[in-house]
Amino acid sequence: MIIPKESLSGEDIRRAIEDVLGKHLGLTGKGYKCDGRLVINVLMTAAIEGRVIESVCDDLTIGVTSNTIRGYLKNRLDVCDLREQEMQMNLSLSDCVPVAREL
């Protein structure tokens, strides 16, 4: 088995996704009780674990409720633009995936 010279940790991947989503969703500002980084981490946890925002907020000791997270998102995202934003994020994330090299 060949051991790759370069490898990514889970934390490396989490940070890369956080950067891409923060930039493309415009979730970089600070709110009264939470900021964009916290919102993105809650969303990533919910997506990765197949859970709802409520259960993630209940399990994490983050000091905000799911209503706070939803309010933050509602103030920063326009529902009419969600499809376009989804396509842009998917494209941006796919650009981050390294191309497989043939041996």
PDB file of N, CA and C in Angstrom:
ATOM      1  N   MET A   1       0.848  -1.181   0.000  1.00  0.00           N
ATOM      2  CA  MET A   1       0.000   0.000   0.000  1.00  0.00           C
ATOM      3  C   MET A   1       0.892   1.243   0.000  1.00  0.00           C
ATOM      4  N   ILE A   2       0.551   2.183  -0.825  1.00  0.00           N
ATOM      5  CA  ILE A   2       1.324   3.413  -0.914  1.00  0.00           C
ATOM      6  C   ILE A   2       0.730   4.435   0.055  1.00  0.00           C
ATOM      7  N   ILE A   3       1.565   5.026   0.855  1.00  0.00           N
ATOM      8  CA  ILE A   3       1.138   6.049   1.804  1.00  0.00           C
ATOM      9  C   ILE A   3       1.300   7.405   1.122  1.00  0.00           C
ATOM     10  N   PRO A   4       0.213   8.174   1.029  1.00  0.00           N
ATOM     11  CA  PRO A   4       0.330   9.472   0.369  1.00  0.00           C
ATOM     12  C   PRO A   4       1.246  10.416   1.141  1.00  0.00           C
ATOM     13  N   LYS A   5       1.990  11.227   0.396  1.00  0.00           N
ATOM     14  CA  LYS A   5       2.898  12.179   1.038  1.00  0.00           C
ATOM     15  C   LYS A   5       2.119  13.318   1.678  1.00  0.00           C
ATOM     16  N   GLU A   6       0.988  13.648   1.097  1.00  0.00           N
ATOM     17  CA  GLU A   6       0.160  14.716   1.628  1.00  0.00           C
ATOM     18  C   GLU A   6      -1.157  14.126   2.100  1.00  0.00           C
ATOM     19  N   SER A   7      -1.602  14.545   3.245  1.00  0.00           N
ATOM     20  CA  SER A   7      -2.900  14.095   3.720  1.00  0.00           C
ATOM     21  C   SER A   7      -3.600  15.242   4.431  1.00  0.00           C
ATOM     22  N   LEU A   8      -4.903  15.162   4.465  1.00  0.00           N
ATOM     23  CA  LEU A   8      -5.704  16.175   5.120  1.00  0.00           C
ATOM     24  C   LEU A   8      -6.327  15.588   6.371  1.00  0.00           C
ATOM     25  N   SER A   9      -6.363  16.384   7.399  1.00  0.00           N
ATOM     26  CA  SER A   9      -7.057  15.954   8.609  1.00  0.00           C
ATOM     27  C   SER A   9      -8.514  16.409   8.517  1.00  0.00           C
ATOM     28  N   GLY A  10      -9.337  15.891   9.391  1.00  0.00           N
ATOM     29  CA  GLY A  10     -10.721  16.322   9.450  1.00  0.00           C
ATOM     30  C   GLY A  10     -10.819  17.814   9.732  1.00  0.00           C
ATOM     31  N   GLU A  11      -9.934  18.321  10.555  1.00  0.00           N
ATOM     32  CA  GLU A  11      -9.921  19.750  10.886  1.00  0.00           C
ATOM     33  C   GLU A  11      -9.563  20.588   9.665  1.00  0.00           C
ATOM     34  N   ASP A  12      -8.619  20.110   8.836  1.00  0.00           N
ATOM     35  CA  ASP A  12      -8.273  20.819   7.594  1.00  0.00           C
ATOM     36  C   ASP A  12      -9.491  20.938   6.683  1.00  0.00           C
ATOM     37  N   ILE A  13     -10.225  19.850   6.555  1.00  0.00           N
ATOM     38  CA  ILE A  13     -11.408  19.829   5.699  1.00  0.00           C
ATOM     39  C   ILE A  13     -12.487  20.740   6.265  1.00  0.00           C
ATOM     40  N   ARG A  14     -12.699  20.691   7.577  1.00  0.00           N
ATOM     41  CA  ARG A  14     -13.701  21.534   8.213  1.00  0.00           C
ATOM     42  C   ARG A  14     -13.402  23.017   7.986  1.00  0.00           C
ATOM     43  N   ARG A  15     -12.137  23.393   8.145  1.00  0.00           N
ATOM     44  CA  ARG A  15     -11.749  24.796   7.945  1.00  0.00           C
ATOM     45  C   ARG A  15     -11.943  25.231   6.493  1.00  0.00           C
ATOM     46  N   ALA A  16     -11.600  24.354   5.549  1.00  0.00           N
ATOM     47  CA  ALA A  16     -11.766  24.694   4.129  1.00  0.00           C
ATOM     48  C   ALA A  16     -13.241  24.902   3.800  1.00  0.00           C
ATOM     49  N   ILE A  17     -14.095  24.018   4.288  1.00  0.00           N
ATOM     50  CA  ILE A  17     -15.528  24.155   4.036  1.00  0.00           C
ATOM     51  C   ILE A  17     -16.066  25.405   4.714  1.00  0.00           C
ATOM     52  N   GLU A  18     -15.613  25.664   5.928  1.00  0.00           N
ATOM     53  CA  GLU A  18     -16.041  26.868   6.648  1.00  0.00           C
ATOM     54  C   GLU A  18     -15.672  28.126   5.867  1.00  0.00           C
ATOM     55  N   ASP A  19     -14.473  28.168   5.311  1.00  0.00           N
ATOM     56  CA  ASP A  19     -14.042  29.329   4.531  1.00  0.00           C
ATOM     57  C   ASP A  19     -14.893  29.525   3.284  1.00  0.00           C
ATOM     58  N   VAL A  20     -15.134  28.430   2.548  1.00  0.00           N
ATOM     59  CA  VAL A  20     -15.908  28.521   1.306  1.00  0.00           C
ATOM     60  C   VAL A  20     -17.341  28.938   1.598  1.00  0.00           C
ATOM     61  N   LEU A  21     -17.964  28.301   2.578  1.00  0.00           N
ATOM     62  CA  LEU A  21     -19.355  28.639   2.887  1.00  0.00           C
ATOM     63  C   LEU A  21     -19.474  30.053   3.442  1.00  0.00           C
ATOM     64  N   GLY A  22     -18.546  30.439   4.296  1.00  0.00           N
ATOM     65  CA  GLY A  22     -18.580  31.785   4.859  1.00  0.00           C
ATOM     66  C   GLY A  22     -18.488  32.855   3.794  1.00  0.00           C
ATOM     67  N   LYS A  23     -17.618  32.619   2.833  1.00  0.00           N
ATOM     68  CA  LYS A  23     -17.421  33.587   1.751  1.00  0.00           C
ATOM     69  C   LYS A  23     -18.647  33.650   0.837  1.00  0.00           C
ATOM     70  N   HIS A  24     -19.170  32.503   0.442  1.00  0.00           N
ATOM     71  CA  HIS A  24     -20.245  32.478  -0.532  1.00  0.00           C
ATOM     72  C   HIS A  24     -21.615  32.753   0.058  1.00  0.00           C
ATOM     73  N   LEU A  25     -21.790  32.478   1.330  1.00  0.00           N
ATOM     74  CA  LEU A  25     -23.074  32.768   1.961  1.00  0.00           C
ATOM     75  C   LEU A  25     -23.099  34.145   2.611  1.00  0.00           C
ATOM     76  N   GLY A  26     -21.955  34.763   2.731  1.00  0.00           N
ATOM     77  CA  GLY A  26     -21.905  36.057   3.387  1.00  0.00           C
ATOM     78  C   GLY A  26     -22.153  35.957   4.881  1.00  0.00           C
ATOM     79  N   LEU A  27     -21.768  34.849   5.477  1.00  0.00           N
ATOM     80  CA  LEU A  27     -22.000  34.635   6.905  1.00  0.00           C
ATOM     81  C   LEU A  27     -20.754  34.964   7.718  1.00  0.00           C
ATOM     82  N   THR A  28     -20.180  36.098   7.454  1.00  0.00           N
ATOM     83  CA  THR A  28     -18.943  36.450   8.149  1.00  0.00           C
ATOM     84  C   THR A  28     -19.153  37.466   9.256  1.00  0.00           C
ATOM     85  N   GLY A  29     -20.320  38.085   9.302  1.00  0.00           N
ATOM     86  CA  GLY A  29     -20.569  39.111  10.305  1.00  0.00           C
ATOM     87  C   GLY A  29     -20.886  38.542  11.673  1.00  0.00           C
ATOM     88  N   LYS A  30     -20.928  39.428  12.642  1.00  0.00           N
ATOM     89  CA  LYS A  30     -21.258  39.029  14.002  1.00  0.00           C
ATOM     90  C   LYS A  30     -22.668  39.487  14.333  1.00  0.00           C
ATOM     91  N   GLY A  31     -23.405  38.617  14.968  1.00  0.00           N
ATOM     92  CA  GLY A  31     -24.739  38.954  15.443  1.00  0.00           C
ATOM     93  C   GLY A  31     -24.693  39.227  16.931  1.00  0.00           C
ATOM     94  N   TYR A  32     -25.861  39.416  17.503  1.00  0.00           N
ATOM     95  CA  TYR A  32     -25.937  39.720  18.932  1.00  0.00           C
ATOM     96  C   TYR A  32     -25.444  38.549  19.778  1.00  0.00           C
ATOM     97  N   LYS A  33     -25.912  37.334  19.443  1.00  0.00           N
ATOM     98  CA  LYS A  33     -25.536  36.163  20.235  1.00  0.00           C
ATOM     99  C   LYS A  33     -24.633  35.184  19.499  1.00  0.00           C
ATOM    100  N   CYS A  34     -24.539  35.298  18.200  1.00  0.00           N
ATOM    101  CA  CYS A  34     -23.712  34.351  17.461  1.00  0.00           C
ATOM    102  C   CYS A  34     -23.091  35.034  16.256  1.00  0.00           C
ATOM    103  N   ASP A  35     -22.113  34.345  15.664  1.00  0.00           N
ATOM    104  CA  ASP A  35     -21.464  34.873  14.473  1.00  0.00           C
ATOM    105  C   ASP A  35     -21.545  33.845  13.355  1.00  0.00           C
ATOM    106  N   GLY A  36     -21.058  34.244  12.181  1.00  0.00           N
ATOM    107  CA  GLY A  36     -21.128  33.369  11.017  1.00  0.00           C
ATOM    108  C   GLY A  36     -20.403  32.055  11.198  1.00  0.00           C
ATOM    109  N   ARG A  37     -19.295  32.092  11.889  1.00  0.00           N
ATOM    110  CA  ARG A  37     -18.520  30.860  12.093  1.00  0.00           C
ATOM    111  C   ARG A  37     -19.322  29.835  12.897  1.00  0.00           C
ATOM    112  N   LEU A  38     -20.009  30.286  13.936  1.00  0.00           N
ATOM    113  CA  LEU A  38     -20.831  29.395  14.745  1.00  0.00           C
ATOM    114  C   LEU A  38     -21.978  28.823  13.917  1.00  0.00           C
ATOM    115  N   VAL A  39     -22.622  29.674  13.135  1.00  0.00           N
ATOM    116  CA  VAL A  39     -23.738  29.230  12.302  1.00  0.00           C
ATOM    117  C   VAL A  39     -23.265  28.176  11.303  1.00  0.00           C
ATOM    118  N   ILE A  40     -22.139  28.431  10.661  1.00  0.00           N
ATOM    119  CA  ILE A  40     -21.609  27.469   9.685  1.00  0.00           C
ATOM    120  C   ILE A  40     -21.264  26.146  10.362  1.00  0.00           C
ATOM    121  N   ASN A  41     -20.683  26.193  11.543  1.00  0.00           N
ATOM    122  CA  ASN A  41     -20.345  24.955  12.255  1.00  0.00           C
ATOM    123  C   ASN A  41     -21.597  24.161  12.626  1.00  0.00           C
ATOM    124  N   VAL A  42     -22.659  24.855  13.037  1.00  0.00           N
ATOM    125  CA  VAL A  42     -23.918  24.163  13.340  1.00  0.00           C
ATOM    126  C   VAL A  42     -24.478  23.532  12.071  1.00  0.00           C
ATOM    127  N   LEU A  43     -24.474  24.287  10.966  1.00  0.00           N
ATOM    128  CA  LEU A  43     -24.984  23.759   9.696  1.00  0.00           C
ATOM    129  C   LEU A  43     -24.169  22.564   9.213  1.00  0.00           C
ATOM    130  N   MET A  44     -22.844  22.651   9.322  1.00  0.00           N
ATOM    131  CA  MET A  44     -21.989  21.532   8.885  1.00  0.00           C
ATOM    132  C   MET A  44     -22.239  20.306   9.748  1.00  0.00           C
ATOM    133  N   THR A  45     -22.350  20.492  11.053  1.00  0.00           N
ATOM    134  CA  THR A  45     -22.608  19.362  11.943  1.00  0.00           C
ATOM    135  C   THR A  45     -23.937  18.707  11.599  1.00  0.00           C
ATOM    136  N   ALA A  46     -24.965  19.518  11.385  1.00  0.00           N
ATOM    137  CA  ALA A  46     -26.277  18.979  11.036  1.00  0.00           C
ATOM    138  C   ALA A  46     -26.220  18.211   9.720  1.00  0.00           C
ATOM    139  N   ALA A  47     -25.530  18.765   8.721  1.00  0.00           N
ATOM    140  CA  ALA A  47     -25.450  18.112   7.411  1.00  0.00           C
ATOM    141  C   ALA A  47     -24.649  16.817   7.472  1.00  0.00           C
ATOM    142  N   ILE A  48     -23.513  16.850   8.130  1.00  0.00           N
ATOM    143  CA  ILE A  48     -22.641  15.675   8.186  1.00  0.00           C
ATOM    144  C   ILE A  48     -23.284  14.533   8.962  1.00  0.00           C
ATOM    145  N   GLU A  49     -23.956  14.873  10.056  1.00  0.00           N
ATOM    146  CA  GLU A  49     -24.542  13.847  10.912  1.00  0.00           C
ATOM    147  C   GLU A  49     -25.991  13.533  10.565  1.00  0.00           C
ATOM    148  N   GLY A  50     -26.549  14.233   9.562  1.00  0.00           N
ATOM    149  CA  GLY A  50     -27.924  13.978   9.151  1.00  0.00           C
ATOM    150  C   GLY A  50     -28.925  14.336  10.239  1.00  0.00           C
ATOM    151  N   ARG A  51     -28.689  15.450  10.895  1.00  0.00           N
ATOM    152  CA  ARG A  51     -29.534  15.868  12.006  1.00  0.00           C
ATOM    153  C   ARG A  51     -30.174  17.211  11.701  1.00  0.00           C
ATOM    154  N   VAL A  52     -31.074  17.616  12.561  1.00  0.00           N
ATOM    155  CA  VAL A  52     -31.707  18.929  12.422  1.00  0.00           C
ATOM    156  C   VAL A  52     -30.974  19.931  13.306  1.00  0.00           C
ATOM    157  N   ILE A  53     -31.136  21.195  12.986  1.00  0.00           N
ATOM    158  CA  ILE A  53     -30.450  22.256  13.715  1.00  0.00           C
ATOM    159  C   ILE A  53     -30.806  22.211  15.204  1.00  0.00           C
ATOM    160  N   GLU A  54     -32.068  21.905  15.520  1.00  0.00           N
ATOM    161  CA  GLU A  54     -32.497  21.856  16.920  1.00  0.00           C
ATOM    162  C   GLU A  54     -31.668  20.873  17.736  1.00  0.00           C
ATOM    163  N   SER A  55     -31.481  19.672  17.200  1.00  0.00           N
ATOM    164  CA  SER A  55     -30.759  18.663  17.975  1.00  0.00           C
ATOM    165  C   SER A  55     -29.278  19.002  18.095  1.00  0.00           C
ATOM    166  N   VAL A  56     -28.716  19.641  17.076  1.00  0.00           N
ATOM    167  CA  VAL A  56     -27.311  20.046  17.155  1.00  0.00           C
ATOM    168  C   VAL A  56     -27.151  21.111  18.236  1.00  0.00           C
ATOM    169  N   CYS A  57     -28.041  22.108  18.238  1.00  0.00           N
ATOM    170  CA  CYS A  57     -27.962  23.170  19.244  1.00  0.00           C
ATOM    171  C   CYS A  57     -28.187  22.618  20.651  1.00  0.00           C
ATOM    172  N   ASP A  58     -29.078  21.631  20.780  1.00  0.00           N
ATOM    173  CA  ASP A  58     -29.335  21.034  22.091  1.00  0.00           C
ATOM    174  C   ASP A  58     -28.118  20.273  22.606  1.00  0.00           C
ATOM    175  N   ASP A  59     -27.409  19.598  21.694  1.00  0.00           N
ATOM    176  CA  ASP A  59     -26.261  18.780  22.095  1.00  0.00           C
ATOM    177  C   ASP A  59     -25.007  19.604  22.355  1.00  0.00           C
ATOM    178  N   LEU A  60     -24.823  20.661  21.595  1.00  0.00           N
ATOM    179  CA  LEU A  60     -23.634  21.493  21.763  1.00  0.00           C
ATOM    180  C   LEU A  60     -23.876  22.526  22.860  1.00  0.00           C
ATOM    181  N   THR A  61     -22.859  22.828  23.584  1.00  0.00           N
ATOM    182  CA  THR A  61     -22.982  23.858  24.616  1.00  0.00           C
ATOM    183  C   THR A  61     -22.531  25.184  24.019  1.00  0.00           C
ATOM    184  N   ILE A  62     -23.352  25.704  23.101  1.00  0.00           N
ATOM    185  CA  ILE A  62     -22.975  26.914  22.368  1.00  0.00           C
ATOM    186  C   ILE A  62     -23.681  28.156  22.878  1.00  0.00           C
ATOM    187  N   GLY A  63     -24.691  27.970  23.729  1.00  0.00           N
ATOM    188  CA  GLY A  63     -25.364  29.110  24.324  1.00  0.00           C
ATOM    189  C   GLY A  63     -26.370  29.803  23.433  1.00  0.00           C
ATOM    190  N   VAL A  64     -26.711  29.216  22.290  1.00  0.00           N
ATOM    191  CA  VAL A  64     -27.750  29.783  21.432  1.00  0.00           C
ATOM    192  C   VAL A  64     -28.732  28.678  21.061  1.00  0.00           C
ATOM    193  N   THR A  65     -29.939  29.091  20.740  1.00  0.00           N
ATOM    194  CA  THR A  65     -30.966  28.126  20.358  1.00  0.00           C
ATOM    195  C   THR A  65     -31.044  28.027  18.838  1.00  0.00           C
ATOM    196  N   SER A  66     -31.805  27.048  18.393  1.00  0.00           N
ATOM    197  CA  SER A  66     -31.999  26.889  16.956  1.00  0.00           C
ATOM    198  C   SER A  66     -32.712  28.107  16.370  1.00  0.00           C
ATOM    199  N   ASN A  67     -33.566  28.752  17.146  1.00  0.00           N
ATOM    200  CA  ASN A  67     -34.238  29.963  16.658  1.00  0.00           C
ATOM    201  C   ASN A  67     -33.240  31.081  16.402  1.00  0.00           C
ATOM    202  N   THR A  68     -32.206  31.183  17.231  1.00  0.00           N
ATOM    203  CA  THR A  68     -31.167  32.186  17.022  1.00  0.00           C
ATOM    204  C   THR A  68     -30.423  31.909  15.722  1.00  0.00           C
ATOM    205  N   ILE A  69     -30.081  30.644  15.492  1.00  0.00           N
ATOM    206  CA  ILE A  69     -29.382  30.254  14.262  1.00  0.00           C
ATOM    207  C   ILE A  69     -30.256  30.568  13.048  1.00  0.00           C
ATOM    208  N   ARG A  70     -31.517  30.200  13.120  1.00  0.00           N
ATOM    209  CA  ARG A  70     -32.433  30.460  12.005  1.00  0.00           C
ATOM    210  C   ARG A  70     -32.622  31.956  11.769  1.00  0.00           C
ATOM    211  N   GLY A  71     -32.702  32.728  12.834  1.00  0.00           N
ATOM    212  CA  GLY A  71     -32.833  34.180  12.694  1.00  0.00           C
ATOM    213  C   GLY A  71     -31.623  34.785  12.019  1.00  0.00           C
ATOM    214  N   TYR A  72     -30.437  34.309  12.390  1.00  0.00           N
ATOM    215  CA  TYR A  72     -29.201  34.782  11.767  1.00  0.00           C
ATOM    216  C   TYR A  72     -29.240  34.495  10.266  1.00  0.00           C
ATOM    217  N   LEU A  73     -29.630  33.270   9.905  1.00  0.00           N
ATOM    218  CA  LEU A  73     -29.695  32.882   8.495  1.00  0.00           C
ATOM    219  C   LEU A  73     -30.752  33.697   7.742  1.00  0.00           C
ATOM    220  N   LYS A  74     -31.904  33.894   8.368  1.00  0.00           N
ATOM    221  CA  LYS A  74     -32.993  34.641   7.723  1.00  0.00           C
ATOM    222  C   LYS A  74     -32.580  36.080   7.426  1.00  0.00           C
ATOM    223  N   ASN A  75     -31.806  36.673   8.322  1.00  0.00           N
ATOM    224  CA  ASN A  75     -31.365  38.054   8.125  1.00  0.00           C
ATOM    225  C   ASN A  75     -30.300  38.197   7.045  1.00  0.00           C
ATOM    226  N   ARG A  76     -29.623  37.114   6.699  1.00  0.00           N
ATOM    227  CA  ARG A  76     -28.510  37.206   5.765  1.00  0.00           C
ATOM    228  C   ARG A  76     -28.733  36.509   4.423  1.00  0.00           C
ATOM    229  N   LEU A  77     -29.736  35.661   4.350  1.00  0.00           N
ATOM    230  CA  LEU A  77     -29.988  34.920   3.116  1.00  0.00           C
ATOM    231  C   LEU A  77     -31.359  35.271   2.557  1.00  0.00           C
ATOM    232  N   ASP A  78     -31.417  35.465   1.255  1.00  0.00           N
ATOM    233  CA  ASP A  78     -32.681  35.715   0.581  1.00  0.00           C
ATOM    234  C   ASP A  78     -33.161  34.387  -0.001  1.00  0.00           C
ATOM    235  N   VAL A  79     -34.355  33.989   0.364  1.00  0.00           N
ATOM    236  CA  VAL A  79     -34.881  32.701  -0.075  1.00  0.00           C
ATOM    237  C   VAL A  79     -34.943  32.602  -1.600  1.00  0.00           C
ATOM    238  N   CYS A  80     -35.092  33.713  -2.280  1.00  0.00           N
ATOM    239  CA  CYS A  80     -35.157  33.709  -3.750  1.00  0.00           C
ATOM    240  C   CYS A  80     -33.809  33.347  -4.383  1.00  0.00           C
ATOM    241  N   ASP A  81     -32.734  33.511  -3.639  1.00  0.00           N
ATOM    242  CA  ASP A  81     -31.395  33.257  -4.177  1.00  0.00           C
ATOM    243  C   ASP A  81     -30.805  31.910  -3.746  1.00  0.00           C
ATOM    244  N   LEU A  82     -31.548  31.099  -3.011  1.00  0.00           N
ATOM    245  CA  LEU A  82     -30.980  29.875  -2.437  1.00  0.00           C
ATOM    246  C   LEU A  82     -30.475  28.893  -3.494  1.00  0.00           C
ATOM    247  N   ARG A  83     -31.224  28.689  -4.571  1.00  0.00           N
ATOM    248  CA  ARG A  83     -30.774  27.752  -5.621  1.00  0.00           C
ATOM    249  C   ARG A  83     -29.457  28.202  -6.235  1.00  0.00           C
ATOM    250  N   GLU A  84     -29.373  29.478  -6.545  1.00  0.00           N
ATOM    251  CA  GLU A  84     -28.144  30.021  -7.128  1.00  0.00           C
ATOM    252  C   GLU A  84     -26.987  29.904  -6.148  1.00  0.00           C
ATOM    253  N   GLN A  85     -27.234  30.193  -4.884  1.00  0.00           N
ATOM    254  CA  GLN A  85     -26.185  30.081  -3.867  1.00  0.00           C
ATOM    255  C   GLN A  85     -25.738  28.632  -3.706  1.00  0.00           C
ATOM    256  N   GLU A  86     -26.683  27.697  -3.750  1.00  0.00           N
ATOM    257  CA  GLU A  86     -26.340  26.282  -3.649  1.00  0.00           C
ATOM    258  C   GLU A  86     -25.430  25.866  -4.802  1.00  0.00           C
ATOM    259  N   MET A  87     -25.756  26.282  -6.012  1.00  0.00           N
ATOM    260  CA  MET A  87     -24.927  25.934  -7.170  1.00  0.00           C
ATOM    261  C   MET A  87     -23.536  26.539  -7.054  1.00  0.00           C
ATOM    262  N   GLN A  88     -23.455  27.792  -6.613  1.00  0.00           N
ATOM    263  CA  GLN A  88     -22.153  28.449  -6.455  1.00  0.00           C
ATOM    264  C   GLN A  88     -21.310  27.763  -5.385  1.00  0.00           C
ATOM    265  N   MET A  89     -21.942  27.379  -4.268  1.00  0.00           N
ATOM    266  CA  MET A  89     -21.195  26.699  -3.203  1.00  0.00           C
ATOM    267  C   MET A  89     -20.698  25.338  -3.665  1.00  0.00           C
ATOM    268  N   ASN A  90     -21.548  24.581  -4.350  1.00  0.00           N
ATOM    269  CA  ASN A  90     -21.129  23.274  -4.840  1.00  0.00           C
ATOM    270  C   ASN A  90     -19.966  23.401  -5.818  1.00  0.00           C
ATOM    271  N   LEU A  91     -20.030  24.398  -6.686  1.00  0.00           N
ATOM    272  CA  LEU A  91     -18.943  24.627  -7.629  1.00  0.00           C
ATOM    273  C   LEU A  91     -17.666  25.008  -6.889  1.00  0.00           C
ATOM    274  N   SER A  92     -17.781  25.877  -5.917  1.00  0.00           N
ATOM    275  CA  SER A  92     -16.605  26.301  -5.141  1.00  0.00           C
ATOM    276  C   SER A  92     -16.007  25.141  -4.360  1.00  0.00           C
ATOM    277  N   LEU A  93     -16.867  24.333  -3.765  1.00  0.00           N
ATOM    278  CA  LEU A  93     -16.359  23.179  -3.010  1.00  0.00           C
ATOM    279  C   LEU A  93     -15.714  22.157  -3.936  1.00  0.00           C
ATOM    280  N   SER A  94     -16.275  21.958  -5.130  1.00  0.00           N
ATOM    281  CA  SER A  94     -15.684  20.997  -6.056  1.00  0.00           C
ATOM    282  C   SER A  94     -14.331  21.478  -6.560  1.00  0.00           C
ATOM    283  N   ASP A  95     -14.135  22.785  -6.630  1.00  0.00           N
ATOM    284  CA  ASP A  95     -12.831  23.322  -7.033  1.00  0.00           C
ATOM    285  C   ASP A  95     -11.754  23.025  -5.992  1.00  0.00           C
ATOM    286  N   CYS A  96     -12.159  22.772  -4.755  1.00  0.00           N
ATOM    287  CA  CYS A  96     -11.207  22.500  -3.675  1.00  0.00           C
ATOM    288  C   CYS A  96     -10.757  21.039  -3.644  1.00  0.00           C
ATOM    289  N   VAL A  97     -11.488  20.175  -4.329  1.00  0.00           N
ATOM    290  CA  VAL A  97     -11.169  18.748  -4.303  1.00  0.00           C
ATOM    291  C   VAL A  97      -9.978  18.492  -5.220  1.00  0.00           C
ATOM    292  N   PRO A  98      -8.935  17.873  -4.671  1.00  0.00           N
ATOM    293  CA  PRO A  98      -7.757  17.620  -5.517  1.00  0.00           C
ATOM    294  C   PRO A  98      -8.063  16.578  -6.592  1.00  0.00           C
ATOM    295  N   VAL A  99      -7.413  16.739  -7.726  1.00  0.00           N
ATOM    296  CA  VAL A  99      -7.568  15.808  -8.832  1.00  0.00           C
ATOM    297  C   VAL A  99      -6.758  14.561  -8.518  1.00  0.00           C
ATOM    298  N   ALA A 100      -7.362  13.398  -8.719  1.00  0.00           N
ATOM    299  CA  ALA A 100      -6.669  12.146  -8.466  1.00  0.00           C
ATOM    300  C   ALA A 100      -5.553  11.951  -9.489  1.00  0.00           C
ATOM    301  N   ARG A 101      -4.405  11.569  -8.996  1.00  0.00           N
ATOM    302  CA  ARG A 101      -3.261  11.325  -9.884  1.00  0.00           C
ATOM    303  C   ARG A 101      -3.144   9.849 -10.164  1.00  0.00           C
ATOM    304  N   GLU A 102      -2.847   9.540 -11.393  1.00  0.00           N
ATOM    305  CA  GLU A 102      -2.636   8.142 -11.736  1.00  0.00           C
ATOM    306  C   GLU A 102      -1.237   7.721 -11.325  1.00  0.00           C
ATOM    307  N   LEU A 103      -1.113   6.497 -10.895  1.00  0.00           N
ATOM    308  CA  LEU A 103       0.186   5.982 -10.464  1.00  0.00           C
ATOM    309  C   LEU A 103       0.955   5.409 -11.610  1.00  0.00           C
TER     310      LEU A 103
END
